[in-house]
């Protein structure tokens, strides 16, 4: 099995992600892969079945005190992703509403850089703003923190084609369905571009519940991350057992969520202003 939280050899991560891609690609509309953990064969295999989104950020984060400062995998990461066949570029950006001005400026400049390069080469730019805590704000309020960050992003007027929003309702936070729906309506009015819900490691049942509210508020889809495959990783390197676990437990979830997208999700062809 893969041991999360412990060092795993790079080659093993690549093999595992290739296996997950082979299993999922025929059943989804797109897969997102980290540039550092994929190769030409994996990317080509994905593109035979679905769209390819490439994440170009560096997976290890630099710290300025308690604050996260992001960077690209390398200076030519966007060009490499495009050469490998990327249909869209994703930037996951860690943001904190209380971060000092110089940290916020660095993060916004990185977002601007990736957006501008995507615009130059004609590929969609996807932004995934991610919340994080510091030792001094362990009692933070993710839903309201996310609202503040969406306002910060909107005020930059940086062109964004799609935004992936993490589920701010964690296992420790509960609220009624009507309240969650109203929350996502307020959030959606500030996003001003198509957006989808990101699992961000949340419990699948909690994610499904939040996703229903998000669809009613204007979300256009979902992106399932490690919440969808983490349990199956317990069977790695037994490829057959990994495949069996995903087919028996995750495929029914994906089918159910896709039905919800078709029934309630906002079409990407709906008139929505691109953030710019």
C-alpha atoms as a PDB file:
ATOM      1  CA  UNK A   1       0.000   0.000   0.000  1.00  0.00           C
ATOM      2  CA  UNK A   2       1.012   3.649  -0.366  1.00  0.00           C
ATOM      3  CA  UNK A   3       1.736   5.283   2.983  1.00  0.00           C
ATOM      4  CA  UNK A   4       0.252   8.775   3.028  1.00  0.00           C
ATOM      5  CA  UNK A   5       2.199  11.209   5.150  1.00  0.00           C
ATOM      6  CA  UNK A   6       5.402   9.229   4.624  1.00  0.00           C
ATOM      7  CA  UNK A   7       7.996   9.495   1.841  1.00  0.00           C
ATOM      8  CA  UNK A   8       7.110   7.367  -1.195  1.00  0.00           C
ATOM      9  CA  UNK A   9       9.612   6.777  -4.033  1.00  0.00           C
ATOM     10  CA  UNK A  10       8.835   8.987  -7.015  1.00  0.00           C
ATOM     11  CA  UNK A  11       8.662   6.015  -9.414  1.00  0.00           C
ATOM     12  CA  UNK A  12       6.027   4.331  -7.235  1.00  0.00           C
ATOM     13  CA  UNK A  13       3.852   7.435  -7.239  1.00  0.00           C
ATOM     14  CA  UNK A  14       4.127   7.623 -11.034  1.00  0.00           C
ATOM     15  CA  UNK A  15       3.139   3.949 -11.381  1.00  0.00           C
ATOM     16  CA  UNK A  16       0.197   4.346  -9.030  1.00  0.00           C
ATOM     17  CA  UNK A  17      -1.109   7.464 -10.762  1.00  0.00           C
ATOM     18  CA  UNK A  18      -0.727   5.760 -14.141  1.00  0.00           C
ATOM     19  CA  UNK A  19      -2.827   2.861 -12.874  1.00  0.00           C
ATOM     20  CA  UNK A  20      -5.533   5.185 -11.520  1.00  0.00           C
ATOM     21  CA  UNK A  21      -5.585   7.059 -14.831  1.00  0.00           C
ATOM     22  CA  UNK A  22      -5.978   3.831 -16.812  1.00  0.00           C
ATOM     23  CA  UNK A  23      -8.925   2.789 -14.640  1.00  0.00           C
ATOM     24  CA  UNK A  24     -10.747   6.131 -14.561  1.00  0.00           C
ATOM     25  CA  UNK A  25     -10.067   7.722 -17.975  1.00  0.00           C
ATOM     26  CA  UNK A  26     -12.718   5.757 -19.945  1.00  0.00           C
ATOM     27  CA  UNK A  27     -15.397   6.790 -17.437  1.00  0.00           C
ATOM     28  CA  UNK A  28     -14.865  10.523 -16.901  1.00  0.00           C
ATOM     29  CA  UNK A  29     -14.866  13.704 -18.992  1.00  0.00           C
ATOM     30  CA  UNK A  30     -11.359  14.779 -17.923  1.00  0.00           C
ATOM     31  CA  UNK A  31      -8.503  13.800 -15.622  1.00  0.00           C
ATOM     32  CA  UNK A  32      -6.146  16.143 -13.832  1.00  0.00           C
ATOM     33  CA  UNK A  33      -2.542  14.991 -13.462  1.00  0.00           C
ATOM     34  CA  UNK A  34       0.417  16.603 -11.728  1.00  0.00           C
ATOM     35  CA  UNK A  35       3.173  17.401 -14.191  1.00  0.00           C
ATOM     36  CA  UNK A  36       5.805  15.980 -11.845  1.00  0.00           C
ATOM     37  CA  UNK A  37       4.123  12.564 -11.587  1.00  0.00           C
ATOM     38  CA  UNK A  38       3.279  11.759 -15.192  1.00  0.00           C
ATOM     39  CA  UNK A  39       5.003  11.010 -18.459  1.00  0.00           C
ATOM     40  CA  UNK A  40       4.226  11.048 -22.184  1.00  0.00           C
ATOM     41  CA  UNK A  41       2.795   7.501 -22.183  1.00  0.00           C
ATOM     42  CA  UNK A  42       0.410   8.304 -19.318  1.00  0.00           C
ATOM     43  CA  UNK A  43      -0.737  11.571 -20.866  1.00  0.00           C
ATOM     44  CA  UNK A  44      -1.242   9.970 -24.290  1.00  0.00           C
ATOM     45  CA  UNK A  45      -3.266   7.166 -22.723  1.00  0.00           C
ATOM     46  CA  UNK A  46      -5.534   9.653 -20.955  1.00  0.00           C
ATOM     47  CA  UNK A  47      -6.129  11.690 -24.115  1.00  0.00           C
ATOM     48  CA  UNK A  48      -7.416   8.586 -25.932  1.00  0.00           C
ATOM     49  CA  UNK A  49     -10.427   8.600 -23.599  1.00  0.00           C
ATOM     50  CA  UNK A  50     -10.981  12.044 -22.068  1.00  0.00           C
ATOM     51  CA  UNK A  51      -9.642  15.548 -21.612  1.00  0.00           C
ATOM     52  CA  UNK A  52      -6.292  16.162 -19.928  1.00  0.00           C
ATOM     53  CA  UNK A  53      -5.843  18.867 -17.281  1.00  0.00           C
ATOM     54  CA  UNK A  54      -2.263  19.358 -16.143  1.00  0.00           C
ATOM     55  CA  UNK A  55      -1.416  20.858 -12.761  1.00  0.00           C
ATOM     56  CA  UNK A  56       1.756  22.924 -13.100  1.00  0.00           C
ATOM     57  CA  UNK A  57       2.400  24.047  -9.516  1.00  0.00           C
ATOM     58  CA  UNK A  58       5.208  22.691  -7.379  1.00  0.00           C
ATOM     59  CA  UNK A  59       3.822  20.148  -4.949  1.00  0.00           C
ATOM     60  CA  UNK A  60       6.189  21.238  -2.177  1.00  0.00           C
ATOM     61  CA  UNK A  61       5.377  24.642  -0.724  1.00  0.00           C
ATOM     62  CA  UNK A  62       7.831  27.262   0.384  1.00  0.00           C
ATOM     63  CA  UNK A  63       7.048  28.931   3.695  1.00  0.00           C
ATOM     64  CA  UNK A  64       7.480  32.548   4.682  1.00  0.00           C
ATOM     65  CA  UNK A  65       6.953  32.146   8.384  1.00  0.00           C
ATOM     66  CA  UNK A  66       3.493  30.582   8.700  1.00  0.00           C
ATOM     67  CA  UNK A  67       2.469  31.624   5.184  1.00  0.00           C
ATOM     68  CA  UNK A  68       2.535  29.457   2.050  1.00  0.00           C
ATOM     69  CA  UNK A  69       4.236  30.759  -1.090  1.00  0.00           C
ATOM     70  CA  UNK A  70       3.571  28.765  -4.264  1.00  0.00           C
ATOM     71  CA  UNK A  71       5.732  28.312  -7.354  1.00  0.00           C
ATOM     72  CA  UNK A  72       5.581  26.513 -10.690  1.00  0.00           C
ATOM     73  CA  UNK A  73       7.070  23.053 -11.019  1.00  0.00           C
ATOM     74  CA  UNK A  74       9.764  24.782 -13.107  1.00  0.00           C
ATOM     75  CA  UNK A  75       9.916  27.875 -15.288  1.00  0.00           C
ATOM     76  CA  UNK A  76       8.928  25.981 -18.448  1.00  0.00           C
ATOM     77  CA  UNK A  77       6.172  23.953 -16.750  1.00  0.00           C
ATOM     78  CA  UNK A  78       3.340  25.424 -18.816  1.00  0.00           C
ATOM     79  CA  UNK A  79       5.191  24.872 -22.086  1.00  0.00           C
ATOM     80  CA  UNK A  80       6.031  21.288 -21.087  1.00  0.00           C
ATOM     81  CA  UNK A  81       2.405  20.578 -20.182  1.00  0.00           C
ATOM     82  CA  UNK A  82       1.232  21.903 -23.538  1.00  0.00           C
ATOM     83  CA  UNK A  83       3.863  19.847 -25.383  1.00  0.00           C
ATOM     84  CA  UNK A  84       2.557  16.767 -23.545  1.00  0.00           C
ATOM     85  CA  UNK A  85      -0.946  17.471 -24.841  1.00  0.00           C
ATOM     86  CA  UNK A  86      -2.661  19.394 -22.045  1.00  0.00           C
ATOM     87  CA  UNK A  87      -6.188  20.514 -22.895  1.00  0.00           C
ATOM     88  CA  UNK A  88      -6.182  22.909 -19.921  1.00  0.00           C
ATOM     89  CA  UNK A  89      -3.756  24.175 -17.280  1.00  0.00           C
ATOM     90  CA  UNK A  90      -4.543  24.094 -13.567  1.00  0.00           C
ATOM     91  CA  UNK A  91      -2.902  26.204 -10.883  1.00  0.00           C
ATOM     92  CA  UNK A  92      -3.602  25.247  -7.269  1.00  0.00           C
ATOM     93  CA  UNK A  93      -2.932  28.340  -5.193  1.00  0.00           C
ATOM     94  CA  UNK A  94      -2.820  28.376  -1.399  1.00  0.00           C
ATOM     95  CA  UNK A  95      -4.404  31.565  -0.110  1.00  0.00           C
ATOM     96  CA  UNK A  96      -4.991  32.994   3.347  1.00  0.00           C
ATOM     97  CA  UNK A  97      -7.089  36.082   3.963  1.00  0.00           C
ATOM     98  CA  UNK A  98      -4.752  37.235   6.759  1.00  0.00           C
ATOM     99  CA  UNK A  99      -1.486  36.748   4.874  1.00  0.00           C
ATOM    100  CA  UNK A 100       0.745  39.845   4.674  1.00  0.00           C
ATOM    101  CA  UNK A 101       0.680  42.035   1.600  1.00  0.00           C
ATOM    102  CA  UNK A 102       3.948  40.724   0.153  1.00  0.00           C
ATOM    103  CA  UNK A 103       2.711  37.113   0.314  1.00  0.00           C
ATOM    104  CA  UNK A 104      -0.625  38.002  -1.286  1.00  0.00           C
ATOM    105  CA  UNK A 105       1.193  39.966  -3.988  1.00  0.00           C
ATOM    106  CA  UNK A 106       3.431  36.978  -4.780  1.00  0.00           C
ATOM    107  CA  UNK A 107       0.447  34.625  -5.082  1.00  0.00           C
ATOM    108  CA  UNK A 108      -1.501  37.051  -7.276  1.00  0.00           C
ATOM    109  CA  UNK A 109       1.547  37.601  -9.508  1.00  0.00           C
ATOM    110  CA  UNK A 110       1.872  33.834 -10.004  1.00  0.00           C
ATOM    111  CA  UNK A 111      -1.805  33.619 -10.927  1.00  0.00           C
ATOM    112  CA  UNK A 112      -1.364  36.476 -13.411  1.00  0.00           C
ATOM    113  CA  UNK A 113       1.694  34.807 -14.951  1.00  0.00           C
ATOM    114  CA  UNK A 114      -0.067  31.491 -15.560  1.00  0.00           C
ATOM    115  CA  UNK A 115      -3.233  33.186 -16.834  1.00  0.00           C
ATOM    116  CA  UNK A 116      -1.295  35.339 -19.297  1.00  0.00           C
ATOM    117  CA  UNK A 117       0.699  32.388 -20.648  1.00  0.00           C
ATOM    118  CA  UNK A 118      -2.452  30.284 -21.086  1.00  0.00           C
ATOM    119  CA  UNK A 119      -4.070  33.180 -22.949  1.00  0.00           C
ATOM    120  CA  UNK A 120      -1.036  33.471 -25.222  1.00  0.00           C
ATOM    121  CA  UNK A 121      -1.116  29.809 -26.261  1.00  0.00           C
ATOM    122  CA  UNK A 122      -4.908  29.475 -26.297  1.00  0.00           C
ATOM    123  CA  UNK A 123      -5.523  26.902 -23.566  1.00  0.00           C
ATOM    124  CA  UNK A 124      -8.059  27.328 -20.744  1.00  0.00           C
ATOM    125  CA  UNK A 125      -6.752  28.473 -17.380  1.00  0.00           C
ATOM    126  CA  UNK A 126      -8.228  26.721 -14.336  1.00  0.00           C
ATOM    127  CA  UNK A 127      -7.664  28.162 -10.875  1.00  0.00           C
ATOM    128  CA  UNK A 128      -8.006  26.085  -7.697  1.00  0.00           C
ATOM    129  CA  UNK A 129      -7.848  28.428  -4.686  1.00  0.00           C
ATOM    130  CA  UNK A 130      -7.066  26.426  -1.545  1.00  0.00           C
ATOM    131  CA  UNK A 131      -7.523  27.468   2.071  1.00  0.00           C
ATOM    132  CA  UNK A 132      -5.013  26.657   4.768  1.00  0.00           C
ATOM    133  CA  UNK A 133      -4.616  27.195   8.477  1.00  0.00           C
ATOM    134  CA  UNK A 134      -1.735  28.512  10.506  1.00  0.00           C
ATOM    135  CA  UNK A 135      -0.883  27.742  14.117  1.00  0.00           C
ATOM    136  CA  UNK A 136      -2.552  30.988  15.176  1.00  0.00           C
ATOM    137  CA  UNK A 137      -5.903  30.508  13.422  1.00  0.00           C
ATOM    138  CA  UNK A 138      -6.832  26.890  14.094  1.00  0.00           C
ATOM    139  CA  UNK A 139     -10.381  28.067  14.799  1.00  0.00           C
ATOM    140  CA  UNK A 140     -10.804  29.568  11.362  1.00  0.00           C
ATOM    141  CA  UNK A 141     -14.138  29.730   9.543  1.00  0.00           C
ATOM    142  CA  UNK A 142     -13.630  28.033   6.126  1.00  0.00           C
ATOM    143  CA  UNK A 143     -16.949  29.117   4.536  1.00  0.00           C
ATOM    144  CA  UNK A 144     -16.403  32.798   5.306  1.00  0.00           C
ATOM    145  CA  UNK A 145     -12.663  32.564   4.650  1.00  0.00           C
ATOM    146  CA  UNK A 146     -13.473  31.240   1.178  1.00  0.00           C
ATOM    147  CA  UNK A 147     -15.856  34.137   0.539  1.00  0.00           C
ATOM    148  CA  UNK A 148     -13.128  36.620   1.421  1.00  0.00           C
ATOM    149  CA  UNK A 149     -10.642  34.919  -0.892  1.00  0.00           C
ATOM    150  CA  UNK A 150     -13.094  34.843  -3.781  1.00  0.00           C
ATOM    151  CA  UNK A 151     -13.516  38.608  -3.378  1.00  0.00           C
ATOM    152  CA  UNK A 152      -9.724  38.998  -3.355  1.00  0.00           C
ATOM    153  CA  UNK A 153      -9.392  36.996  -6.581  1.00  0.00           C
ATOM    154  CA  UNK A 154     -12.263  38.858  -8.254  1.00  0.00           C
ATOM    155  CA  UNK A 155     -10.709  42.226  -7.447  1.00  0.00           C
ATOM    156  CA  UNK A 156      -7.507  41.254  -9.322  1.00  0.00           C
ATOM    157  CA  UNK A 157      -9.491  41.017 -12.582  1.00  0.00           C
ATOM    158  CA  UNK A 158      -7.175  38.279 -13.839  1.00  0.00           C
ATOM    159  CA  UNK A 159      -8.667  36.203 -16.706  1.00  0.00           C
ATOM    160  CA  UNK A 160      -9.828  32.798 -15.413  1.00  0.00           C
ATOM    161  CA  UNK A 161     -11.775  30.297 -17.520  1.00  0.00           C
ATOM    162  CA  UNK A 162     -12.853  27.892 -14.782  1.00  0.00           C
ATOM    163  CA  UNK A 163     -12.531  27.790 -11.015  1.00  0.00           C
ATOM    164  CA  UNK A 164     -12.390  24.699  -8.820  1.00  0.00           C
ATOM    165  CA  UNK A 165     -13.825  25.458  -5.400  1.00  0.00           C
ATOM    166  CA  UNK A 166     -13.070  23.148  -2.481  1.00  0.00           C
ATOM    167  CA  UNK A 167     -15.897  22.048  -0.223  1.00  0.00           C
ATOM    168  CA  UNK A 168     -15.698  24.440   2.757  1.00  0.00           C
ATOM    169  CA  UNK A 169     -18.117  22.385   4.846  1.00  0.00           C
ATOM    170  CA  UNK A 170     -15.765  20.003   6.634  1.00  0.00           C
ATOM    171  CA  UNK A 171     -16.752  17.074   8.813  1.00  0.00           C
ATOM    172  CA  UNK A 172     -16.582  19.329  11.860  1.00  0.00           C
ATOM    173  CA  UNK A 173     -18.897  21.985  10.419  1.00  0.00           C
ATOM    174  CA  UNK A 174     -22.587  21.381   9.971  1.00  0.00           C
ATOM    175  CA  UNK A 175     -25.418  23.512   8.635  1.00  0.00           C
ATOM    176  CA  UNK A 176     -28.796  22.860   7.073  1.00  0.00           C
ATOM    177  CA  UNK A 177     -29.219  22.175   3.356  1.00  0.00           C
ATOM    178  CA  UNK A 178     -31.063  25.445   2.761  1.00  0.00           C
ATOM    179  CA  UNK A 179     -28.286  27.393   4.491  1.00  0.00           C
ATOM    180  CA  UNK A 180     -25.607  25.658   2.406  1.00  0.00           C
ATOM    181  CA  UNK A 181     -27.520  26.365  -0.802  1.00  0.00           C
ATOM    182  CA  UNK A 182     -27.828  30.047   0.076  1.00  0.00           C
ATOM    183  CA  UNK A 183     -24.141  30.142   0.962  1.00  0.00           C
ATOM    184  CA  UNK A 184     -23.158  28.731  -2.447  1.00  0.00           C
ATOM    185  CA  UNK A 185     -25.492  31.196  -4.200  1.00  0.00           C
ATOM    186  CA  UNK A 186     -23.652  34.064  -2.520  1.00  0.00           C
ATOM    187  CA  UNK A 187     -20.317  32.486  -3.379  1.00  0.00           C
ATOM    188  CA  UNK A 188     -21.332  31.881  -6.987  1.00  0.00           C
ATOM    189  CA  UNK A 189     -22.346  35.516  -7.464  1.00  0.00           C
ATOM    190  CA  UNK A 190     -18.781  36.532  -6.612  1.00  0.00           C
ATOM    191  CA  UNK A 191     -17.005  33.942  -8.759  1.00  0.00           C
ATOM    192  CA  UNK A 192     -18.311  35.275 -12.093  1.00  0.00           C
ATOM    193  CA  UNK A 193     -16.993  32.381 -14.193  1.00  0.00           C
ATOM    194  CA  UNK A 194     -17.954  28.705 -14.503  1.00  0.00           C
ATOM    195  CA  UNK A 195     -16.990  26.730 -11.408  1.00  0.00           C
ATOM    196  CA  UNK A 196     -16.930  23.157 -10.182  1.00  0.00           C
ATOM    197  CA  UNK A 197     -16.697  21.608  -6.724  1.00  0.00           C
ATOM    198  CA  UNK A 198     -13.450  20.022  -5.577  1.00  0.00           C
ATOM    199  CA  UNK A 199     -13.449  17.224  -2.997  1.00  0.00           C
ATOM    200  CA  UNK A 200     -10.199  18.495  -1.423  1.00  0.00           C
ATOM    201  CA  UNK A 201      -9.948  15.299   0.615  1.00  0.00           C
ATOM    202  CA  UNK A 202     -13.378  15.644   2.196  1.00  0.00           C
ATOM    203  CA  UNK A 203     -15.540  12.663   3.121  1.00  0.00           C
ATOM    204  CA  UNK A 204     -17.453  11.460   0.041  1.00  0.00           C
ATOM    205  CA  UNK A 205     -20.844  11.513   1.762  1.00  0.00           C
ATOM    206  CA  UNK A 206     -20.208  15.041   3.031  1.00  0.00           C
ATOM    207  CA  UNK A 207     -19.050  16.028  -0.451  1.00  0.00           C
ATOM    208  CA  UNK A 208     -22.158  14.591  -2.113  1.00  0.00           C
ATOM    209  CA  UNK A 209     -24.354  16.542   0.287  1.00  0.00           C
ATOM    210  CA  UNK A 210     -22.518  19.818  -0.345  1.00  0.00           C
ATOM    211  CA  UNK A 211     -22.488  19.188  -4.090  1.00  0.00           C
ATOM    212  CA  UNK A 212     -26.291  19.074  -4.278  1.00  0.00           C
ATOM    213  CA  UNK A 213     -26.443  22.539  -2.756  1.00  0.00           C
ATOM    214  CA  UNK A 214     -23.657  23.763  -5.041  1.00  0.00           C
ATOM    215  CA  UNK A 215     -25.480  22.578  -8.169  1.00  0.00           C
ATOM    216  CA  UNK A 216     -28.638  24.410  -7.165  1.00  0.00           C
ATOM    217  CA  UNK A 217     -26.498  27.523  -6.686  1.00  0.00           C
ATOM    218  CA  UNK A 218     -24.789  27.395 -10.090  1.00  0.00           C
ATOM    219  CA  UNK A 219     -21.933  24.871 -10.041  1.00  0.00           C
ATOM    220  CA  UNK A 220     -21.255  23.145 -13.377  1.00  0.00           C
ATOM    221  CA  UNK A 221     -19.585  19.929 -12.236  1.00  0.00           C
ATOM    222  CA  UNK A 222     -17.187  18.318  -9.792  1.00  0.00           C
ATOM    223  CA  UNK A 223     -13.586  17.202  -9.531  1.00  0.00           C
ATOM    224  CA  UNK A 224     -12.995  14.121  -7.394  1.00  0.00           C
ATOM    225  CA  UNK A 225      -9.518  13.932  -5.933  1.00  0.00           C
ATOM    226  CA  UNK A 226      -7.952  11.600  -3.393  1.00  0.00           C
ATOM    227  CA  UNK A 227     -11.317  11.104  -1.684  1.00  0.00           C
ATOM    228  CA  UNK A 228     -12.183   8.931  -4.695  1.00  0.00           C
ATOM    229  CA  UNK A 229      -9.084   6.750  -4.835  1.00  0.00           C
ATOM    230  CA  UNK A 230      -7.368   6.910  -1.463  1.00  0.00           C
ATOM    231  CA  UNK A 231      -9.055   3.825  -0.037  1.00  0.00           C
ATOM    232  CA  UNK A 232      -8.162   1.825  -3.140  1.00  0.00           C
ATOM    233  CA  UNK A 233      -4.506   2.732  -2.616  1.00  0.00           C
ATOM    234  CA  UNK A 234      -4.501   0.414   0.406  1.00  0.00           C
ATOM    235  CA  UNK A 235      -4.420  -2.493  -2.071  1.00  0.00           C
ATOM    236  CA  UNK A 236      -1.484  -1.174  -4.107  1.00  0.00           C
ATOM    237  CA  UNK A 237       0.667  -2.693  -5.661  1.00  0.00           C
ATOM    238  CA  UNK A 238      -2.008  -5.341  -6.304  1.00  0.00           C
ATOM    239  CA  UNK A 239      -3.320  -3.731  -9.495  1.00  0.00           C
ATOM    240  CA  UNK A 240      -6.266  -6.106  -9.782  1.00  0.00           C
ATOM    241  CA  UNK A 241      -7.468  -5.308  -6.255  1.00  0.00           C
ATOM    242  CA  UNK A 242      -7.056  -1.571  -6.820  1.00  0.00           C
ATOM    243  CA  UNK A 243      -9.158  -1.842  -9.978  1.00  0.00           C
ATOM    244  CA  UNK A 244     -11.773  -3.987  -8.235  1.00  0.00           C
ATOM    245  CA  UNK A 245     -12.038  -1.544  -5.335  1.00  0.00           C
ATOM    246  CA  UNK A 246     -12.572   1.445  -7.607  1.00  0.00           C
ATOM    247  CA  UNK A 247     -15.042  -0.375  -9.860  1.00  0.00           C
ATOM    248  CA  UNK A 248     -17.137  -1.601  -6.929  1.00  0.00           C
ATOM    249  CA  UNK A 249     -17.087   1.450  -4.663  1.00  0.00           C
ATOM    250  CA  UNK A 250     -16.181   4.537  -6.705  1.00  0.00           C
ATOM    251  CA  UNK A 251     -17.825   3.941 -10.091  1.00  0.00           C
ATOM    252  CA  UNK A 252     -21.340   3.920  -8.546  1.00  0.00           C
ATOM    253  CA  UNK A 253     -20.523   7.223  -6.804  1.00  0.00           C
ATOM    254  CA  UNK A 254     -19.264   8.765 -10.051  1.00  0.00           C
ATOM    255  CA  UNK A 255     -22.372   7.609 -11.931  1.00  0.00           C
ATOM    256  CA  UNK A 256     -24.637   9.088  -9.276  1.00  0.00           C
ATOM    257  CA  UNK A 257     -22.800  12.408  -9.237  1.00  0.00           C
ATOM    258  CA  UNK A 258     -22.841  12.577 -13.045  1.00  0.00           C
ATOM    259  CA  UNK A 259     -26.620  12.144 -12.962  1.00  0.00           C
ATOM    260  CA  UNK A 260     -26.798  15.068 -10.560  1.00  0.00           C
ATOM    261  CA  UNK A 261     -24.633  17.139 -12.917  1.00  0.00           C
ATOM    262  CA  UNK A 262     -26.974  16.397 -15.804  1.00  0.00           C
ATOM    263  CA  UNK A 263     -30.084  17.125 -13.734  1.00  0.00           C
ATOM    264  CA  UNK A 264     -28.966  20.163 -11.759  1.00  0.00           C
ATOM    265  CA  UNK A 265     -25.549  21.424 -12.903  1.00  0.00           C
ATOM    266  CA  UNK A 266     -25.248  24.700 -14.792  1.00  0.00           C
ATOM    267  CA  UNK A 267     -24.241  24.194 -18.402  1.00  0.00           C
ATOM    268  CA  UNK A 268     -20.832  25.549 -19.372  1.00  0.00           C
ATOM    269  CA  UNK A 269     -22.608  26.919 -22.443  1.00  0.00           C
ATOM    270  CA  UNK A 270     -24.801  29.147 -20.273  1.00  0.00           C
ATOM    271  CA  UNK A 271     -24.045  32.864 -20.601  1.00  0.00           C
ATOM    272  CA  UNK A 272     -21.447  33.366 -17.853  1.00  0.00           C
ATOM    273  CA  UNK A 273     -18.883  36.152 -17.855  1.00  0.00           C
ATOM    274  CA  UNK A 274     -15.266  35.063 -17.883  1.00  0.00           C
ATOM    275  CA  UNK A 275     -13.345  36.703 -15.055  1.00  0.00           C
ATOM    276  CA  UNK A 276     -11.186  39.383 -16.649  1.00  0.00           C
END
